[in-house]
Amino acid sequence: MKYIVIELQTNADGTVGNIVNAYDDRNAAESQYHSVLSAAAISNVPVHSCIMITSEGRPLDWKFYDHRTSTEA
């Protein structure tokens, strides 16, 4: 089984970018997951999120930061 970390960045115009990385070791995946969230917490990207799943698609953890102003949301 692999552990997948998916970083999602939703821009003000609604476009979404993603970065996907796979890991053999859950601890390595969790390290990357928390690194992404550390950057997302202070990001200028309107909505910046991360999810960690198994290669079978089972969600393990997720979090997002919504930096939009109330008029954008």
Protein backbone atom coordinates (compact mmCIF):
# COMPACT_ATOMS: atom_id res chain seq x y z
CA MET A 1 0.00 0.00 0.00
CA LYS A 2 1.09 3.53 -0.76
CA TYR A 3 0.24 6.77 1.02
CA ILE A 4 -0.74 9.65 -1.23
CA VAL A 5 -0.45 13.34 -0.30
CA ILE A 6 -2.44 15.70 -2.52
CA GLU A 7 -1.97 19.45 -2.28
CA LEU A 8 -4.73 21.56 -3.81
CA GLN A 9 -4.58 25.27 -4.54
CA THR A 10 -7.74 27.07 -5.63
CA ASN A 11 -7.05 30.47 -7.16
CA ALA A 12 -9.29 33.54 -7.11
CA ASP A 13 -10.42 32.81 -10.69
CA GLY A 14 -11.54 29.32 -9.65
CA THR A 15 -8.73 27.39 -11.32
CA VAL A 16 -7.35 24.54 -9.27
CA GLY A 17 -3.79 23.27 -9.25
CA ASN A 18 -2.63 20.06 -7.62
CA ILE A 19 0.58 18.39 -6.56
CA VAL A 20 0.46 14.64 -5.89
CA ASN A 21 3.19 12.62 -4.16
CA ALA A 22 3.21 8.93 -3.20
CA TYR A 23 5.10 7.40 -0.25
CA ASP A 24 5.81 3.84 0.87
CA ASP A 25 6.01 4.90 4.51
CA ARG A 26 3.13 6.54 6.39
CA ASN A 27 5.47 8.64 8.55
CA ALA A 28 7.11 10.13 5.44
CA ALA A 29 3.66 10.89 4.02
CA GLU A 30 2.56 12.52 7.27
CA SER A 31 5.72 14.63 7.31
CA GLN A 32 4.94 15.92 3.80
CA TYR A 33 1.28 16.43 4.70
CA HIS A 34 2.21 18.65 7.63
CA SER A 35 4.83 20.52 5.58
CA VAL A 36 2.16 21.40 3.01
CA LEU A 37 -0.21 22.58 5.73
CA SER A 38 2.53 24.66 7.32
CA ALA A 39 2.93 26.56 4.06
CA ALA A 40 -0.83 26.66 3.42
CA ALA A 41 -1.48 28.34 6.77
CA ILE A 42 0.33 31.49 5.63
CA SER A 43 -0.26 31.16 1.88
CA ASN A 44 -1.64 33.90 -0.35
CA VAL A 45 -3.62 31.28 -2.28
CA PRO A 46 -7.34 31.88 -1.62
CA VAL A 47 -8.08 28.24 -0.70
CA HIS A 48 -5.12 25.98 0.04
CA SER A 49 -5.72 22.41 1.14
CA CYS A 50 -4.12 19.02 1.60
CA ILE A 51 -5.45 15.49 1.88
CA MET A 52 -3.65 12.26 2.74
CA ILE A 53 -5.19 9.05 1.40
CA THR A 54 -4.18 5.44 0.86
CA SER A 55 -3.59 4.10 -2.63
CA GLU A 56 -6.99 2.41 -2.22
CA GLY A 57 -8.58 5.86 -1.86
CA ARG A 58 -9.25 5.69 1.88
CA PRO A 59 -8.97 9.19 3.40
CA LEU A 60 -6.60 9.42 6.35
CA ASP A 61 -6.50 13.15 7.09
CA TRP A 62 -7.38 16.47 5.46
CA LYS A 63 -7.40 20.16 6.24
CA PHE A 64 -7.83 23.41 4.35
CA TYR A 65 -7.18 27.09 4.84
CA ASP A 66 -9.65 29.58 3.41
CA HIS A 67 -7.91 32.93 2.93
CA ARG A 68 -10.71 34.49 0.88
CA THR A 69 -12.27 37.69 2.09
CA SER A 70 -15.96 37.53 2.87
CA THR A 71 -16.79 39.15 -0.49
CA GLU A 72 -14.91 36.40 -2.39
CA ALA A 73 -16.46 33.45 -0.56
